[in-house]
Amino acid sequence: MTRLLIIQAQAEVDMAEAALWYDDQQPGLGNNFLTEVHAAINRAVANPRAYRRLRRRPEVRRVLTARFPYRVFYILRPEAIVVFRVLHGARHDREWRQGV
């Protein structure tokens, strides 16, 4: 089943802020970060139920990035996958709960 991918504005902000921070550390690292986040999102789209479920209603799941310590949070709906936050692993869980 093909689902629509929706990336909410807050997730876009999360990704942009992190990419800018990584670019400040080393030029080009921000693009590497974005590539890794998009790879994690693509894994979730390809197999959305393979990743840890954090909440039943709405069904919230999380996929981890491989190279960077980030978590991509998404809501699994019958017709769509909605990415609503992209957070560093050290950030508290209350951060993503505000987006649901």
Protein backbone atom coordinates (compact mmCIF):
# COMPACT_ATOMS: atom_id res chain seq x y z
CA MET A 1 0.00 0.00 0.00
CA THR A 2 1.36 3.39 -0.98
CA ARG A 3 0.90 6.12 1.59
CA LEU A 4 1.25 9.84 1.14
CA LEU A 5 4.26 11.36 2.92
CA ILE A 6 3.55 14.58 4.82
CA ILE A 7 6.36 16.45 6.56
CA GLN A 8 4.91 19.03 8.93
CA ALA A 9 6.40 22.49 9.30
CA GLN A 10 7.83 21.81 12.78
CA ALA A 11 9.77 18.81 11.46
CA GLU A 12 11.14 20.99 8.65
CA VAL A 13 12.24 23.56 11.24
CA ASP A 14 13.87 20.83 13.34
CA MET A 15 15.82 19.59 10.31
CA ALA A 16 16.86 23.07 9.16
CA GLU A 17 18.10 24.11 12.61
CA ALA A 18 20.12 20.93 13.05
CA ALA A 19 21.57 21.18 9.52
CA LEU A 20 22.69 24.75 10.18
CA TRP A 21 24.32 23.69 13.45
CA TYR A 22 26.17 20.84 11.74
CA ASP A 23 27.31 23.17 8.94
CA ASP A 24 28.73 25.53 11.57
CA GLN A 25 30.76 22.61 12.94
CA GLN A 26 32.02 21.50 9.53
CA PRO A 27 30.99 22.82 6.11
CA GLY A 28 28.93 20.23 4.22
CA LEU A 29 28.02 18.25 7.33
CA GLY A 30 24.54 19.79 7.33
CA ASN A 31 23.84 18.27 3.91
CA ASN A 32 25.07 14.90 5.18
CA PHE A 33 22.68 15.23 8.11
CA LEU A 34 19.73 16.00 5.83
CA THR A 35 20.61 13.07 3.58
CA GLU A 36 20.61 10.77 6.60
CA VAL A 37 17.29 12.09 7.91
CA HIS A 38 15.68 11.61 4.49
CA ALA A 39 17.08 8.06 4.34
CA ALA A 40 15.45 7.33 7.72
CA ILE A 41 12.16 8.78 6.48
CA ASN A 42 12.38 6.64 3.34
CA ARG A 43 12.91 3.54 5.49
CA ALA A 44 9.80 4.44 7.47
CA VAL A 45 7.79 4.97 4.29
CA ALA A 46 8.94 1.63 2.87
CA ASN A 47 8.08 -0.30 6.03
CA PRO A 48 6.20 1.95 8.48
CA ARG A 49 5.29 -0.74 11.02
CA ALA A 50 8.89 -1.93 11.41
CA TYR A 51 9.79 0.82 13.85
CA ARG A 52 9.03 1.25 17.51
CA ARG A 53 5.48 2.25 18.36
CA LEU A 54 5.32 4.88 21.09
CA ARG A 55 1.58 5.50 21.21
CA ARG A 56 -1.50 3.66 19.95
CA ARG A 57 -3.90 6.53 19.24
CA PRO A 58 -2.83 8.26 17.21
CA GLU A 59 -0.31 5.63 16.18
CA VAL A 60 3.04 7.33 16.76
CA ARG A 61 6.26 5.60 15.75
CA ARG A 62 9.93 6.50 15.70
CA VAL A 63 12.78 5.70 13.35
CA LEU A 64 16.41 6.41 14.24
CA THR A 65 19.01 7.89 11.95
CA ALA A 66 22.12 5.79 11.41
CA ARG A 67 24.98 8.30 11.50
CA PHE A 68 23.57 11.12 13.62
CA PRO A 69 21.89 10.78 17.03
CA TYR A 70 18.43 11.83 15.86
CA ARG A 71 14.94 10.40 16.10
CA VAL A 72 12.28 10.92 13.44
CA PHE A 73 8.74 10.80 14.86
CA TYR A 74 5.78 10.04 12.63
CA ILE A 75 2.08 9.34 12.84
CA LEU A 76 0.95 6.34 10.87
CA ARG A 77 -2.43 6.86 9.24
CA PRO A 78 -4.16 4.54 6.76
CA GLU A 79 -3.58 7.02 3.93
CA ALA A 80 -0.43 8.84 5.06
CA ILE A 81 2.75 8.95 7.09
CA VAL A 82 3.01 12.28 8.87
CA VAL A 83 6.50 13.25 10.06
CA PHE A 84 5.96 15.78 12.83
CA ARG A 85 9.28 16.06 14.71
CA VAL A 86 12.99 15.35 14.15
CA LEU A 87 14.76 15.53 17.50
CA HIS A 88 18.23 14.91 18.89
CA GLY A 89 18.40 11.78 21.01
CA ALA A 90 19.23 13.81 24.14
CA ARG A 91 16.02 15.87 23.92
CA HIS A 92 13.29 14.90 26.34
CA ASP A 93 10.27 12.91 25.13
CA ARG A 94 7.90 15.72 26.13
CA GLU A 95 9.25 17.58 23.07
CA TRP A 96 7.64 15.18 20.59
CA ARG A 97 4.48 14.71 22.64
CA GLN A 98 3.61 18.37 22.12
CA GLY A 99 3.38 17.77 18.37
CA VAL A 100 0.74 15.03 18.55
